[in-house]
Amino acid sequence: MKLTPKEVEDLVANVVGRDSLNVLRLIKNKKNVSEFKIAENMKLNVNQIRNVLYRMNEHNLVTFTRKKDKKKGWYIYYWTFDEKQAKNLYVFLKRKRLDELKILIDNGKKEESFYVCKTDFIKFDLDEALENNFICPECGKVLIEEKVFIDIDKLKKEANLIGIDISIKTKENVQQKAPEKHNKKKDKKKLNKFKKAR
């Protein structure tokens, strides 16, 4: 099953940033879109567009080809959004989240402690707070302990939904990658046709 448009946008916003969504909308479902056309449509300079596209490329969400402009002598890059890689990344991140949830569920803790700087709004786990002697490295103020209640039932529901989602998204991949069964008679007929045509 393909990712829905919302899933694609959420994925890209999460890993690349919300500022990439307008670029995504211009290249999604198109092939080899010129970075200059994207810049023109968005009324931005090409370097701003390249910045976004390079960040997308770091996650292999886009592919590109380049061609030399014969008049000006520089290279123009043409970009394509990679739906297959987006799906792979989506499933990878979902599995990672599922693993995190399983650890929390198996741990069985009902609450977790964090240490927070109220001035700089920075949160530390116990190990990080210990490393900094319970002092904020930014402003030097003492970190304050905060406890967070963990709803195990809610985590189990989320884990279940993610498991179903992964199952649906990967089922199609398995079916697509299954090797075709060879029909010896058909293969022999094709070979004979090829020989006669020569």
Protein backbone atom coordinates (compact mmCIF):
# COMPACT_ATOMS: atom_id res chain seq x y z
CA MET A 1 0.00 0.00 0.00
CA LYS A 2 1.28 3.45 -0.90
CA LEU A 3 1.68 6.20 1.63
CA THR A 4 -1.20 8.64 1.77
CA PRO A 5 -0.45 12.29 0.89
CA LYS A 6 -0.78 13.17 4.59
CA GLU A 7 1.65 10.41 5.61
CA VAL A 8 4.16 11.65 3.03
CA GLU A 9 3.84 15.25 4.21
CA ASP A 10 4.09 14.26 7.89
CA LEU A 11 7.19 12.17 7.16
CA VAL A 12 8.94 14.93 5.21
CA ALA A 13 7.99 17.60 7.77
CA ASN A 14 9.30 15.37 10.56
CA VAL A 15 12.69 14.49 9.03
CA VAL A 16 13.39 17.55 6.86
CA GLY A 17 11.31 20.34 8.37
CA ARG A 18 7.98 22.03 7.67
CA ASP A 19 9.66 24.53 5.35
CA SER A 20 10.19 21.68 2.86
CA LEU A 21 6.49 20.99 2.29
CA ASN A 22 6.01 23.59 -0.46
CA VAL A 23 8.97 22.15 -2.36
CA LEU A 24 7.59 18.64 -1.85
CA ARG A 25 4.22 19.68 -3.31
CA LEU A 26 5.95 21.04 -6.42
CA ILE A 27 7.99 17.90 -7.16
CA LYS A 28 5.75 15.10 -5.88
CA ASN A 29 4.28 12.98 -8.69
CA LYS A 30 6.54 14.70 -11.24
CA LYS A 31 9.88 13.71 -12.73
CA ASN A 32 13.00 15.79 -13.22
CA VAL A 33 11.76 19.17 -12.03
CA SER A 34 14.30 21.95 -12.55
CA GLU A 35 15.47 23.64 -9.37
CA PHE A 36 15.11 26.97 -11.21
CA LYS A 37 11.43 26.24 -11.94
CA ILE A 38 10.87 25.40 -8.26
CA ALA A 39 12.57 28.65 -7.21
CA GLU A 40 10.53 30.62 -9.73
CA ASN A 41 7.23 29.08 -8.56
CA MET A 42 8.06 29.76 -4.91
CA LYS A 43 9.53 33.22 -5.57
CA LEU A 44 12.74 32.26 -3.75
CA ASN A 45 16.34 32.19 -4.92
CA VAL A 46 17.77 28.91 -6.16
CA ASN A 47 20.16 28.58 -3.20
CA GLN A 48 17.24 28.53 -0.76
CA ILE A 49 15.59 25.77 -2.82
CA ARG A 50 18.84 23.81 -3.04
CA ASN A 51 19.17 23.96 0.74
CA VAL A 52 15.78 22.26 1.14
CA LEU A 53 16.48 19.73 -1.62
CA TYR A 54 19.88 18.85 -0.14
CA ARG A 55 18.22 18.19 3.23
CA MET A 56 15.69 15.94 1.48
CA ASN A 57 18.56 14.22 -0.32
CA GLU A 58 20.28 13.46 3.02
CA HIS A 59 17.35 11.12 3.72
CA ASN A 60 17.33 9.82 0.11
CA LEU A 61 13.85 11.27 -0.39
CA VAL A 62 14.83 12.79 -3.73
CA THR A 63 16.94 11.76 -6.68
CA PHE A 64 18.52 14.11 -9.15
CA THR A 65 20.12 14.35 -12.53
CA ARG A 66 22.25 17.21 -13.73
CA LYS A 67 22.70 18.70 -17.14
CA LYS A 68 25.09 21.35 -18.29
CA ASP A 69 23.49 24.51 -19.61
CA LYS A 70 25.09 25.00 -23.03
CA LYS A 71 24.66 28.77 -23.02
CA LYS A 72 25.72 29.61 -19.47
CA GLY A 73 28.10 26.69 -18.84
CA TRP A 74 26.82 25.77 -15.37
CA TYR A 75 24.98 22.68 -14.19
CA ILE A 76 21.23 22.61 -13.65
CA TYR A 77 19.86 19.95 -11.32
CA TYR A 78 16.55 18.21 -11.98
CA TRP A 79 14.84 16.65 -8.98
CA THR A 80 12.39 13.76 -8.51
CA PHE A 81 10.68 12.74 -5.27
CA ASP A 82 11.39 9.06 -4.48
CA GLU A 83 8.10 7.52 -3.31
CA LYS A 84 9.68 4.11 -2.71
CA GLN A 85 12.38 5.52 -0.44
CA ALA A 86 9.78 7.62 1.39
CA LYS A 87 7.85 4.44 2.13
CA ASN A 88 11.02 2.64 3.28
CA LEU A 89 11.92 5.53 5.58
CA TYR A 90 8.34 5.69 6.90
CA VAL A 91 8.41 1.98 7.78
CA PHE A 92 11.91 2.28 9.30
CA LEU A 93 10.83 5.15 11.58
CA LYS A 94 7.63 3.33 12.55
CA ARG A 95 9.65 0.23 13.49
CA LYS A 96 12.03 2.39 15.51
CA ARG A 97 9.08 3.96 17.36
CA LEU A 98 7.60 0.49 17.93
CA ASP A 99 10.89 -0.70 19.46
CA GLU A 100 10.91 2.34 21.78
CA LEU A 101 7.32 1.62 22.84
CA LYS A 102 8.11 -2.05 23.51
CA ILE A 103 10.99 -1.03 25.79
CA LEU A 104 8.71 1.35 27.71
CA ILE A 105 5.94 -1.27 27.96
CA ASP A 106 8.35 -4.04 29.02
CA ASN A 107 9.92 -1.70 31.55
CA GLY A 108 6.49 -1.37 33.17
CA LYS A 109 7.31 1.93 34.86
CA LYS A 110 4.28 4.04 35.66
CA GLU A 111 6.27 7.26 35.84
CA GLU A 112 9.53 8.65 34.58
CA SER A 113 11.68 11.49 35.89
CA PHE A 114 13.26 14.27 33.86
CA TYR A 115 15.34 17.23 34.91
CA VAL A 116 14.37 20.56 33.44
CA CYS A 117 15.86 24.02 33.20
CA LYS A 118 12.96 26.44 33.64
CA THR A 119 14.98 29.29 32.13
CA ASP A 120 16.20 27.68 28.89
CA PHE A 121 13.43 25.04 28.62
CA ILE A 122 15.93 22.20 28.20
CA LYS A 123 15.05 18.68 29.35
CA PHE A 124 17.62 16.10 30.56
CA ASP A 125 17.31 12.45 31.50
CA LEU A 126 18.96 11.26 34.74
CA ASP A 127 22.30 10.38 33.09
CA GLU A 128 22.57 13.77 31.35
CA ALA A 129 21.61 15.59 34.55
CA LEU A 130 24.29 13.66 36.49
CA GLU A 131 26.93 14.50 33.84
CA ASN A 132 26.11 18.18 34.36
CA ASN A 133 25.92 17.90 38.19
CA PHE A 134 22.22 18.86 37.96
CA ILE A 135 23.23 22.30 36.66
CA CYS A 136 22.00 23.68 33.32
CA PRO A 137 25.03 23.92 30.98
CA GLU A 138 23.45 26.95 29.26
CA CYS A 139 22.60 29.27 32.16
CA GLY A 140 24.14 27.63 35.23
CA LYS A 141 20.86 27.29 37.18
CA VAL A 142 19.87 24.18 39.13
CA LEU A 143 17.80 21.64 37.20
CA ILE A 144 14.34 20.83 38.61
CA GLU A 145 13.02 17.28 38.68
CA GLU A 146 9.73 16.64 36.89
CA LYS A 147 7.84 13.36 36.90
CA VAL A 148 5.86 12.22 33.90
CA PHE A 149 3.08 9.65 34.25
CA ILE A 150 3.33 6.84 31.69
CA ASP A 151 0.01 5.38 30.54
CA ILE A 152 0.98 1.80 29.65
CA ASP A 153 -2.46 1.07 28.12
CA LYS A 154 -2.12 4.08 25.82
CA LEU A 155 1.37 2.93 24.79
CA LYS A 156 0.04 -0.58 24.06
CA LYS A 157 -2.71 0.87 21.84
CA GLU A 158 -0.18 3.02 19.98
CA ALA A 159 2.14 0.01 19.55
CA ASN A 160 -0.75 -2.08 18.23
CA LEU A 161 -1.74 0.60 15.68
CA ILE A 162 1.86 1.01 14.53
CA GLY A 163 2.18 -2.79 14.18
CA ILE A 164 -0.95 -2.89 11.99
CA ASP A 165 0.30 0.06 9.91
CA ILE A 166 3.71 -1.58 9.35
CA SER A 167 2.01 -4.85 8.41
CA ILE A 168 -0.19 -3.11 5.82
CA LYS A 169 2.65 -1.05 4.36
CA THR A 170 5.12 -3.96 4.09
CA LYS A 171 2.69 -6.60 2.83
CA GLU A 172 2.66 -5.02 -0.62
CA ASN A 173 6.48 -4.92 -0.68
CA VAL A 174 6.63 -8.66 0.01
CA GLN A 175 4.11 -9.36 -2.74
CA GLN A 176 5.97 -7.15 -5.22
CA LYS A 177 9.34 -8.72 -4.47
CA ALA A 178 8.12 -12.33 -4.70
CA PRO A 179 9.83 -13.94 -7.68
CA GLU A 180 7.67 -14.89 -10.62
CA LYS A 181 7.19 -18.59 -11.21
CA HIS A 182 8.69 -19.66 -14.49
CA ASN A 183 6.45 -21.40 -16.96
CA LYS A 184 8.80 -23.63 -18.94
CA LYS A 185 6.37 -23.96 -21.87
CA LYS A 186 5.95 -20.16 -22.16
CA ASP A 187 9.72 -19.63 -21.91
CA LYS A 188 10.32 -22.22 -24.67
CA LYS A 189 7.70 -20.55 -26.93
CA LYS A 190 9.33 -17.12 -26.40
CA LEU A 191 12.74 -18.56 -27.23
CA ASN A 192 11.41 -20.20 -30.40
CA LYS A 193 9.72 -16.95 -31.52
CA PHE A 194 12.99 -15.11 -30.94
CA LYS A 195 14.94 -17.66 -33.01
CA LYS A 196 12.42 -17.51 -35.90
CA ALA A 197 12.55 -13.70 -35.92
CA ARG A 198 16.33 -13.79 -36.43
